[in-house]
């Protein structure tokens, strides 16, 4: 029996491909992976079930990353795992693919739009992007900065950098972990544009960066690919002159991402300037 890895795109249920819908309808079990990204559209799950006629079960991080139950189920039933964006935008799903192949389970992949190609709407040319980085929420005793040399190297090479912002869903607090309350989860958290830019600005100052400073341009996008997407741009100084509440009001609901442009071609700049400044 096969496992279908089906991308849902970035907008609403209408972004599903016809092939994806047909495979879902043929499936015995359907899961929606809901931790590497989240659907932007309200009521996505219910509308998805309405157009496919299938019950869709949310799949959390532990179910997908462990993969054992998913792989075993795929040996005896037709299973679809739906992924927001494209199935291979997250390395988790590559690991699942490898596990299935090792266990003799056929895998069908249905691709869709993801942040990695939709970011082209900003006007920046996709082949001029360097390595993608992700910013994580800092804690009192954990402030990773390993991403910063990658950011600087991209800038030195004149390349743009897509900066993904952290998502925390179904996280167990240290207190609940110590008490064995593994089914008590913290509220979802999504890193905002202001938090992300502030982190880049702070690390650049701490490390005395010669590539990134308050004059560096930063592009912010939210809900990219949906009908409510928002795109703003401005230098770091302008972003930091706004309060978190002001930026949140402009950007709206998650998910948020950033781009630190490298050398801009005149055509890229002309396209970018069609969007409002912060």
C-alpha atoms as a PDB file:
ATOM      1  CA  UNK A   1       0.000   0.000   0.000  1.00  0.00           C
ATOM      2  CA  UNK A   2       1.253   3.527  -0.693  1.00  0.00           C
ATOM      3  CA  UNK A   3       1.859   6.591   1.431  1.00  0.00           C
ATOM      4  CA  UNK A   4       0.869   9.791  -0.355  1.00  0.00           C
ATOM      5  CA  UNK A   5       2.813  12.918   0.639  1.00  0.00           C
ATOM      6  CA  UNK A   6       0.571  15.740  -0.552  1.00  0.00           C
ATOM      7  CA  UNK A   7       1.386  19.446  -0.447  1.00  0.00           C
ATOM      8  CA  UNK A   8      -1.588  21.695   0.281  1.00  0.00           C
ATOM      9  CA  UNK A   9      -0.008  24.953  -0.881  1.00  0.00           C
ATOM     10  CA  UNK A  10       0.027  28.198   1.069  1.00  0.00           C
ATOM     11  CA  UNK A  11      -3.505  29.541   0.820  1.00  0.00           C
ATOM     12  CA  UNK A  12      -6.734  27.699   1.449  1.00  0.00           C
ATOM     13  CA  UNK A  13      -8.251  24.352   0.501  1.00  0.00           C
ATOM     14  CA  UNK A  14      -8.674  25.476  -3.128  1.00  0.00           C
ATOM     15  CA  UNK A  15      -4.885  25.387  -3.548  1.00  0.00           C
ATOM     16  CA  UNK A  16      -4.920  21.586  -3.458  1.00  0.00           C
ATOM     17  CA  UNK A  17      -4.173  20.082  -6.858  1.00  0.00           C
ATOM     18  CA  UNK A  18      -6.743  17.902  -8.598  1.00  0.00           C
ATOM     19  CA  UNK A  19      -4.327  14.981  -8.317  1.00  0.00           C
ATOM     20  CA  UNK A  20      -3.961  15.582  -4.600  1.00  0.00           C
ATOM     21  CA  UNK A  21      -7.728  15.669  -4.064  1.00  0.00           C
ATOM     22  CA  UNK A  22      -8.194  12.430  -5.988  1.00  0.00           C
ATOM     23  CA  UNK A  23      -5.518  10.625  -3.956  1.00  0.00           C
ATOM     24  CA  UNK A  24      -7.070  11.850  -0.704  1.00  0.00           C
ATOM     25  CA  UNK A  25     -10.465  10.528  -1.790  1.00  0.00           C
ATOM     26  CA  UNK A  26      -8.894   7.135  -2.508  1.00  0.00           C
ATOM     27  CA  UNK A  27      -7.190   6.972   0.899  1.00  0.00           C
ATOM     28  CA  UNK A  28      -8.235   4.891   3.896  1.00  0.00           C
ATOM     29  CA  UNK A  29      -6.602   7.287   6.384  1.00  0.00           C
ATOM     30  CA  UNK A  30      -5.738  10.986   5.997  1.00  0.00           C
ATOM     31  CA  UNK A  31      -3.538  13.075   8.288  1.00  0.00           C
ATOM     32  CA  UNK A  32      -2.683  16.800   8.269  1.00  0.00           C
ATOM     33  CA  UNK A  33       0.814  17.530   9.545  1.00  0.00           C
ATOM     34  CA  UNK A  34       0.457  20.640  11.670  1.00  0.00           C
ATOM     35  CA  UNK A  35       3.773  21.580  13.214  1.00  0.00           C
ATOM     36  CA  UNK A  36       6.326  22.450  10.498  1.00  0.00           C
ATOM     37  CA  UNK A  37       3.789  25.006   9.255  1.00  0.00           C
ATOM     38  CA  UNK A  38       0.144  25.925   9.726  1.00  0.00           C
ATOM     39  CA  UNK A  39      -2.673  26.630   7.261  1.00  0.00           C
ATOM     40  CA  UNK A  40      -3.310  30.357   6.849  1.00  0.00           C
ATOM     41  CA  UNK A  41      -7.017  30.009   6.062  1.00  0.00           C
ATOM     42  CA  UNK A  42      -9.614  29.875   8.825  1.00  0.00           C
ATOM     43  CA  UNK A  43     -11.611  26.652   8.883  1.00  0.00           C
ATOM     44  CA  UNK A  44      -9.085  24.936   6.622  1.00  0.00           C
ATOM     45  CA  UNK A  45      -9.522  21.478   8.135  1.00  0.00           C
ATOM     46  CA  UNK A  46     -13.314  21.524   7.959  1.00  0.00           C
ATOM     47  CA  UNK A  47     -13.352  22.800   4.372  1.00  0.00           C
ATOM     48  CA  UNK A  48     -10.741  20.248   3.377  1.00  0.00           C
ATOM     49  CA  UNK A  49     -12.927  17.469   4.752  1.00  0.00           C
ATOM     50  CA  UNK A  50     -15.954  18.874   2.920  1.00  0.00           C
ATOM     51  CA  UNK A  51     -14.333  18.861  -0.534  1.00  0.00           C
ATOM     52  CA  UNK A  52     -12.668  15.453  -0.137  1.00  0.00           C
ATOM     53  CA  UNK A  53     -15.382  13.652   1.816  1.00  0.00           C
ATOM     54  CA  UNK A  54     -12.717  12.295   4.164  1.00  0.00           C
ATOM     55  CA  UNK A  55     -12.069  12.643   7.876  1.00  0.00           C
ATOM     56  CA  UNK A  56      -8.698  14.358   8.283  1.00  0.00           C
ATOM     57  CA  UNK A  57      -6.802  13.776  11.527  1.00  0.00           C
ATOM     58  CA  UNK A  58      -4.259  16.348  12.753  1.00  0.00           C
ATOM     59  CA  UNK A  59      -0.787  14.804  13.064  1.00  0.00           C
ATOM     60  CA  UNK A  60       1.558  16.291  15.642  1.00  0.00           C
ATOM     61  CA  UNK A  61       5.344  16.399  15.698  1.00  0.00           C
ATOM     62  CA  UNK A  62       5.800  13.154  17.612  1.00  0.00           C
ATOM     63  CA  UNK A  63       3.533  11.155  15.298  1.00  0.00           C
ATOM     64  CA  UNK A  64       5.347  12.309  12.153  1.00  0.00           C
ATOM     65  CA  UNK A  65       8.937  12.348  13.425  1.00  0.00           C
ATOM     66  CA  UNK A  66       8.704   8.924  15.062  1.00  0.00           C
ATOM     67  CA  UNK A  67       7.126   7.678  11.799  1.00  0.00           C
ATOM     68  CA  UNK A  68       6.744   4.104  13.058  1.00  0.00           C
ATOM     69  CA  UNK A  69       2.948   4.151  13.301  1.00  0.00           C
ATOM     70  CA  UNK A  70       2.631   5.999   9.993  1.00  0.00           C
ATOM     71  CA  UNK A  71       4.907   3.576   8.144  1.00  0.00           C
ATOM     72  CA  UNK A  72       3.216   0.506   9.645  1.00  0.00           C
ATOM     73  CA  UNK A  73      -0.240   1.840   8.763  1.00  0.00           C
ATOM     74  CA  UNK A  74       0.912   2.488   5.183  1.00  0.00           C
ATOM     75  CA  UNK A  75       1.799  -1.206   4.829  1.00  0.00           C
ATOM     76  CA  UNK A  76      -1.845  -2.239   5.152  1.00  0.00           C
ATOM     77  CA  UNK A  77      -3.824   0.860   4.122  1.00  0.00           C
ATOM     78  CA  UNK A  78      -3.729   3.707   1.634  1.00  0.00           C
ATOM     79  CA  UNK A  79      -2.526   6.679   3.682  1.00  0.00           C
ATOM     80  CA  UNK A  80      -2.260  10.373   2.818  1.00  0.00           C
ATOM     81  CA  UNK A  81      -0.132  12.791   4.829  1.00  0.00           C
ATOM     82  CA  UNK A  82      -0.982  16.389   3.969  1.00  0.00           C
ATOM     83  CA  UNK A  83       1.731  18.996   4.401  1.00  0.00           C
ATOM     84  CA  UNK A  84       1.210  22.767   4.307  1.00  0.00           C
ATOM     85  CA  UNK A  85       3.269  24.111   1.410  1.00  0.00           C
ATOM     86  CA  UNK A  86       5.362  21.438  -0.323  1.00  0.00           C
ATOM     87  CA  UNK A  87       6.164  18.048   1.250  1.00  0.00           C
ATOM     88  CA  UNK A  88       9.912  18.530   1.009  1.00  0.00           C
ATOM     89  CA  UNK A  89      10.171  22.062   2.359  1.00  0.00           C
ATOM     90  CA  UNK A  90      10.919  20.412   5.734  1.00  0.00           C
ATOM     91  CA  UNK A  91      13.632  17.771   6.229  1.00  0.00           C
ATOM     92  CA  UNK A  92      11.258  15.799   8.481  1.00  0.00           C
ATOM     93  CA  UNK A  93       9.403  14.547   5.434  1.00  0.00           C
ATOM     94  CA  UNK A  94      12.601  13.515   3.672  1.00  0.00           C
ATOM     95  CA  UNK A  95      13.358  11.301   6.669  1.00  0.00           C
ATOM     96  CA  UNK A  96       9.851   9.836   6.444  1.00  0.00           C
ATOM     97  CA  UNK A  97      10.393   9.134   2.732  1.00  0.00           C
ATOM     98  CA  UNK A  98      13.621   7.258   3.497  1.00  0.00           C
ATOM     99  CA  UNK A  99      11.945   5.233   6.259  1.00  0.00           C
ATOM    100  CA  UNK A 100       9.149   4.193   3.906  1.00  0.00           C
ATOM    101  CA  UNK A 101      11.564   3.111   1.193  1.00  0.00           C
ATOM    102  CA  UNK A 102      13.555   1.077   3.710  1.00  0.00           C
ATOM    103  CA  UNK A 103      10.342  -0.672   4.826  1.00  0.00           C
ATOM    104  CA  UNK A 104       9.166  -1.410   1.281  1.00  0.00           C
ATOM    105  CA  UNK A 105       6.356   1.170   1.332  1.00  0.00           C
ATOM    106  CA  UNK A 106       5.697   2.972  -1.950  1.00  0.00           C
ATOM    107  CA  UNK A 107       5.611   6.765  -1.705  1.00  0.00           C
ATOM    108  CA  UNK A 108       3.690   9.110  -3.983  1.00  0.00           C
ATOM    109  CA  UNK A 109       4.622  12.797  -3.842  1.00  0.00           C
ATOM    110  CA  UNK A 110       2.292  15.602  -4.920  1.00  0.00           C
ATOM    111  CA  UNK A 111       4.145  18.911  -4.944  1.00  0.00           C
ATOM    112  CA  UNK A 112       2.699  22.358  -4.315  1.00  0.00           C
ATOM    113  CA  UNK A 113       3.761  25.955  -3.711  1.00  0.00           C
ATOM    114  CA  UNK A 114       5.906  26.682  -0.661  1.00  0.00           C
ATOM    115  CA  UNK A 115       7.581  29.692   0.913  1.00  0.00           C
ATOM    116  CA  UNK A 116      10.738  28.703  -0.981  1.00  0.00           C
ATOM    117  CA  UNK A 117       9.255  29.602  -4.365  1.00  0.00           C
ATOM    118  CA  UNK A 118       6.406  31.938  -3.405  1.00  0.00           C
ATOM    119  CA  UNK A 119       8.942  34.395  -1.961  1.00  0.00           C
ATOM    120  CA  UNK A 120       9.584  35.383  -5.575  1.00  0.00           C
ATOM    121  CA  UNK A 121       6.506  37.608  -5.332  1.00  0.00           C
ATOM    122  CA  UNK A 122       8.750  40.160  -3.591  1.00  0.00           C
ATOM    123  CA  UNK A 123      10.519  40.649  -6.916  1.00  0.00           C
ATOM    124  CA  UNK A 124      13.733  39.000  -5.790  1.00  0.00           C
ATOM    125  CA  UNK A 125      14.996  36.452  -8.310  1.00  0.00           C
ATOM    126  CA  UNK A 126      14.945  32.927  -6.901  1.00  0.00           C
ATOM    127  CA  UNK A 127      18.303  31.863  -8.329  1.00  0.00           C
ATOM    128  CA  UNK A 128      19.948  34.734  -6.437  1.00  0.00           C
ATOM    129  CA  UNK A 129      19.049  33.333  -3.005  1.00  0.00           C
ATOM    130  CA  UNK A 130      21.660  31.736  -0.770  1.00  0.00           C
ATOM    131  CA  UNK A 131      21.238  29.288   2.094  1.00  0.00           C
ATOM    132  CA  UNK A 132      17.993  29.594   4.058  1.00  0.00           C
ATOM    133  CA  UNK A 133      18.232  30.207   7.808  1.00  0.00           C
ATOM    134  CA  UNK A 134      15.773  29.819  10.678  1.00  0.00           C
ATOM    135  CA  UNK A 135      15.585  32.011  13.776  1.00  0.00           C
ATOM    136  CA  UNK A 136      14.579  30.256  16.996  1.00  0.00           C
ATOM    137  CA  UNK A 137      12.929  31.678  20.078  1.00  0.00           C
ATOM    138  CA  UNK A 138      15.590  32.508  22.640  1.00  0.00           C
ATOM    139  CA  UNK A 139      15.351  31.392  26.254  1.00  0.00           C
ATOM    140  CA  UNK A 140      17.172  32.541  29.383  1.00  0.00           C
ATOM    141  CA  UNK A 141      19.934  29.985  28.842  1.00  0.00           C
ATOM    142  CA  UNK A 142      19.792  29.275  25.100  1.00  0.00           C
ATOM    143  CA  UNK A 143      20.528  31.982  22.522  1.00  0.00           C
ATOM    144  CA  UNK A 144      21.729  30.273  19.324  1.00  0.00           C
ATOM    145  CA  UNK A 145      23.678  32.430  16.878  1.00  0.00           C
ATOM    146  CA  UNK A 146      25.032  29.757  14.540  1.00  0.00           C
ATOM    147  CA  UNK A 147      22.859  31.155  11.753  1.00  0.00           C
ATOM    148  CA  UNK A 148      24.678  34.497  11.679  1.00  0.00           C
ATOM    149  CA  UNK A 149      27.823  33.416   9.755  1.00  0.00           C
ATOM    150  CA  UNK A 150      25.520  31.987   7.068  1.00  0.00           C
ATOM    151  CA  UNK A 151      23.720  35.318   6.846  1.00  0.00           C
ATOM    152  CA  UNK A 152      27.000  37.208   6.531  1.00  0.00           C
ATOM    153  CA  UNK A 153      28.373  34.797   3.930  1.00  0.00           C
ATOM    154  CA  UNK A 154      25.258  35.241   1.795  1.00  0.00           C
ATOM    155  CA  UNK A 155      25.661  39.016   1.987  1.00  0.00           C
ATOM    156  CA  UNK A 156      29.361  38.833   1.073  1.00  0.00           C
ATOM    157  CA  UNK A 157      28.403  36.795  -2.000  1.00  0.00           C
ATOM    158  CA  UNK A 158      25.670  39.272  -2.949  1.00  0.00           C
ATOM    159  CA  UNK A 159      22.936  36.690  -2.307  1.00  0.00           C
ATOM    160  CA  UNK A 160      19.509  37.136  -0.736  1.00  0.00           C
ATOM    161  CA  UNK A 161      18.621  35.266   2.466  1.00  0.00           C
ATOM    162  CA  UNK A 162      15.205  33.850   3.276  1.00  0.00           C
ATOM    163  CA  UNK A 163      14.794  33.910   7.062  1.00  0.00           C
ATOM    164  CA  UNK A 164      12.188  31.554   8.475  1.00  0.00           C
ATOM    165  CA  UNK A 165      10.765  32.388  11.901  1.00  0.00           C
ATOM    166  CA  UNK A 166      10.172  29.917  14.703  1.00  0.00           C
ATOM    167  CA  UNK A 167       6.905  28.071  15.313  1.00  0.00           C
ATOM    168  CA  UNK A 168       6.098  26.416  18.633  1.00  0.00           C
ATOM    169  CA  UNK A 169       3.070  24.114  18.728  1.00  0.00           C
ATOM    170  CA  UNK A 170       2.226  21.385  21.236  1.00  0.00           C
ATOM    171  CA  UNK A 171       5.307  22.199  23.318  1.00  0.00           C
ATOM    172  CA  UNK A 172       5.623  20.832  26.855  1.00  0.00           C
ATOM    173  CA  UNK A 173       7.032  23.263  29.440  1.00  0.00           C
ATOM    174  CA  UNK A 174      10.005  22.294  31.613  1.00  0.00           C
ATOM    175  CA  UNK A 175       7.728  22.278  34.661  1.00  0.00           C
ATOM    176  CA  UNK A 176       5.190  19.932  33.084  1.00  0.00           C
ATOM    177  CA  UNK A 177       8.010  17.793  31.712  1.00  0.00           C
ATOM    178  CA  UNK A 178       9.451  17.416  35.226  1.00  0.00           C
ATOM    179  CA  UNK A 179       6.021  16.483  36.570  1.00  0.00           C
ATOM    180  CA  UNK A 180       5.434  13.930  33.830  1.00  0.00           C
ATOM    181  CA  UNK A 181       2.571  15.899  32.294  1.00  0.00           C
ATOM    182  CA  UNK A 182       3.410  15.020  28.713  1.00  0.00           C
ATOM    183  CA  UNK A 183      -0.111  15.742  27.465  1.00  0.00           C
ATOM    184  CA  UNK A 184      -0.252  19.304  28.849  1.00  0.00           C
ATOM    185  CA  UNK A 185       0.850  21.696  26.125  1.00  0.00           C
ATOM    186  CA  UNK A 186       1.806  25.350  26.051  1.00  0.00           C
ATOM    187  CA  UNK A 187      -0.235  27.744  23.860  1.00  0.00           C
ATOM    188  CA  UNK A 188       1.058  27.981  20.265  1.00  0.00           C
ATOM    189  CA  UNK A 189       3.681  30.667  19.638  1.00  0.00           C
ATOM    190  CA  UNK A 190       4.772  32.157  16.340  1.00  0.00           C
ATOM    191  CA  UNK A 191       7.787  34.444  16.055  1.00  0.00           C
ATOM    192  CA  UNK A 192       6.801  37.861  14.750  1.00  0.00           C
ATOM    193  CA  UNK A 193       8.535  40.114  12.237  1.00  0.00           C
ATOM    194  CA  UNK A 194       9.565  42.535  14.987  1.00  0.00           C
ATOM    195  CA  UNK A 195      11.072  39.731  17.097  1.00  0.00           C
ATOM    196  CA  UNK A 196      12.990  38.365  14.127  1.00  0.00           C
ATOM    197  CA  UNK A 197      14.436  41.695  13.001  1.00  0.00           C
ATOM    198  CA  UNK A 198      15.312  42.619  16.593  1.00  0.00           C
ATOM    199  CA  UNK A 199      17.234  39.344  16.938  1.00  0.00           C
ATOM    200  CA  UNK A 200      19.209  39.960  13.737  1.00  0.00           C
ATOM    201  CA  UNK A 201      19.928  43.554  14.805  1.00  0.00           C
ATOM    202  CA  UNK A 202      21.090  42.521  18.284  1.00  0.00           C
ATOM    203  CA  UNK A 203      23.413  39.766  17.069  1.00  0.00           C
ATOM    204  CA  UNK A 204      24.877  42.033  14.366  1.00  0.00           C
ATOM    205  CA  UNK A 205      25.700  44.604  17.051  1.00  0.00           C
ATOM    206  CA  UNK A 206      27.068  42.052  19.525  1.00  0.00           C
ATOM    207  CA  UNK A 207      29.371  40.512  16.921  1.00  0.00           C
ATOM    208  CA  UNK A 208      30.372  43.831  15.360  1.00  0.00           C
ATOM    209  CA  UNK A 209      29.227  42.784  11.895  1.00  0.00           C
ATOM    210  CA  UNK A 210      30.648  44.703   8.958  1.00  0.00           C
ATOM    211  CA  UNK A 211      27.991  43.295   6.597  1.00  0.00           C
ATOM    212  CA  UNK A 212      24.768  43.969   8.482  1.00  0.00           C
ATOM    213  CA  UNK A 213      23.816  47.187  10.264  1.00  0.00           C
ATOM    214  CA  UNK A 214      20.832  49.450  10.874  1.00  0.00           C
ATOM    215  CA  UNK A 215      20.927  50.603   7.244  1.00  0.00           C
ATOM    216  CA  UNK A 216      20.454  47.059   5.929  1.00  0.00           C
ATOM    217  CA  UNK A 217      17.165  46.538   4.130  1.00  0.00           C
ATOM    218  CA  UNK A 218      14.768  43.918   5.471  1.00  0.00           C
ATOM    219  CA  UNK A 219      11.671  42.587   3.694  1.00  0.00           C
ATOM    220  CA  UNK A 220       8.846  41.152   5.791  1.00  0.00           C
ATOM    221  CA  UNK A 221       6.075  38.891   4.508  1.00  0.00           C
ATOM    222  CA  UNK A 222       3.060  37.407   6.244  1.00  0.00           C
ATOM    223  CA  UNK A 223       0.589  34.713   5.171  1.00  0.00           C
ATOM    224  CA  UNK A 224       2.401  34.474   1.851  1.00  0.00           C
ATOM    225  CA  UNK A 225       0.329  32.850  -0.869  1.00  0.00           C
ATOM    226  CA  UNK A 226      -2.995  33.609   0.801  1.00  0.00           C
ATOM    227  CA  UNK A 227      -5.499  36.290  -0.159  1.00  0.00           C
ATOM    228  CA  UNK A 228      -4.431  38.186   2.990  1.00  0.00           C
ATOM    229  CA  UNK A 229      -0.695  38.201   2.325  1.00  0.00           C
ATOM    230  CA  UNK A 230       1.231  41.297   3.364  1.00  0.00           C
ATOM    231  CA  UNK A 231       4.623  42.496   2.145  1.00  0.00           C
ATOM    232  CA  UNK A 232       6.515  45.449   3.645  1.00  0.00           C
ATOM    233  CA  UNK A 233      10.115  46.617   3.386  1.00  0.00           C
ATOM    234  CA  UNK A 234      12.455  49.056   5.070  1.00  0.00           C
ATOM    235  CA  UNK A 235      15.868  49.311   6.687  1.00  0.00           C
ATOM    236  CA  UNK A 236      16.460  47.837  10.121  1.00  0.00           C
ATOM    237  CA  UNK A 237      16.502  51.318  11.650  1.00  0.00           C
ATOM    238  CA  UNK A 238      12.971  51.986  10.369  1.00  0.00           C
ATOM    239  CA  UNK A 239      11.676  48.624  11.579  1.00  0.00           C
ATOM    240  CA  UNK A 240      13.152  49.096  15.058  1.00  0.00           C
ATOM    241  CA  UNK A 241      11.695  52.609  15.286  1.00  0.00           C
ATOM    242  CA  UNK A 242       8.247  50.970  15.377  1.00  0.00           C
ATOM    243  CA  UNK A 243       6.909  49.286  18.489  1.00  0.00           C
ATOM    244  CA  UNK A 244       6.155  45.552  18.374  1.00  0.00           C
ATOM    245  CA  UNK A 245       2.452  46.420  18.479  1.00  0.00           C
ATOM    246  CA  UNK A 246       2.760  48.791  15.507  1.00  0.00           C
ATOM    247  CA  UNK A 247       4.576  46.199  13.414  1.00  0.00           C
ATOM    248  CA  UNK A 248       2.111  43.493  14.439  1.00  0.00           C
ATOM    249  CA  UNK A 249      -0.764  45.719  13.356  1.00  0.00           C
ATOM    250  CA  UNK A 250       0.815  46.190   9.922  1.00  0.00           C
ATOM    251  CA  UNK A 251       1.792  42.547   9.402  1.00  0.00           C
ATOM    252  CA  UNK A 252      -1.276  40.849  10.866  1.00  0.00           C
ATOM    253  CA  UNK A 253      -1.614  37.189  11.800  1.00  0.00           C
ATOM    254  CA  UNK A 254       1.131  34.540  11.330  1.00  0.00           C
ATOM    255  CA  UNK A 255       2.965  33.033   9.646  1.00  0.00           C
ATOM    256  CA  UNK A 256       5.705  35.662   9.213  1.00  0.00           C
ATOM    257  CA  UNK A 257       9.016  35.401   7.345  1.00  0.00           C
ATOM    258  CA  UNK A 258      11.853  37.773   6.461  1.00  0.00           C
ATOM    259  CA  UNK A 259      14.262  38.362   3.612  1.00  0.00           C
ATOM    260  CA  UNK A 260      17.595  40.131   3.938  1.00  0.00           C
ATOM    261  CA  UNK A 261      18.419  41.105   0.338  1.00  0.00           C
ATOM    262  CA  UNK A 262      21.900  40.876  -1.075  1.00  0.00           C
ATOM    263  CA  UNK A 263      22.863  42.938  -4.118  1.00  0.00           C
ATOM    264  CA  UNK A 264      19.643  44.049  -5.797  1.00  0.00           C
ATOM    265  CA  UNK A 265      19.369  44.068  -9.584  1.00  0.00           C
ATOM    266  CA  UNK A 266      17.552  47.204 -10.831  1.00  0.00           C
ATOM    267  CA  UNK A 267      14.601  45.058 -11.945  1.00  0.00           C
ATOM    268  CA  UNK A 268      14.399  43.473  -8.497  1.00  0.00           C
ATOM    269  CA  UNK A 269      14.428  46.860  -6.804  1.00  0.00           C
ATOM    270  CA  UNK A 270      11.767  48.245  -9.132  1.00  0.00           C
ATOM    271  CA  UNK A 271       9.491  45.306  -8.317  1.00  0.00           C
ATOM    272  CA  UNK A 272      10.184  45.505  -4.574  1.00  0.00           C
ATOM    273  CA  UNK A 273       9.356  49.208  -4.450  1.00  0.00           C
ATOM    274  CA  UNK A 274       5.812  48.504  -5.640  1.00  0.00           C
ATOM    275  CA  UNK A 275       5.171  47.311  -2.067  1.00  0.00           C
ATOM    276  CA  UNK A 276       4.687  49.753   0.827  1.00  0.00           C
ATOM    277  CA  UNK A 277       7.529  50.764   3.121  1.00  0.00           C
ATOM    278  CA  UNK A 278       7.273  50.206   6.830  1.00  0.00           C
END
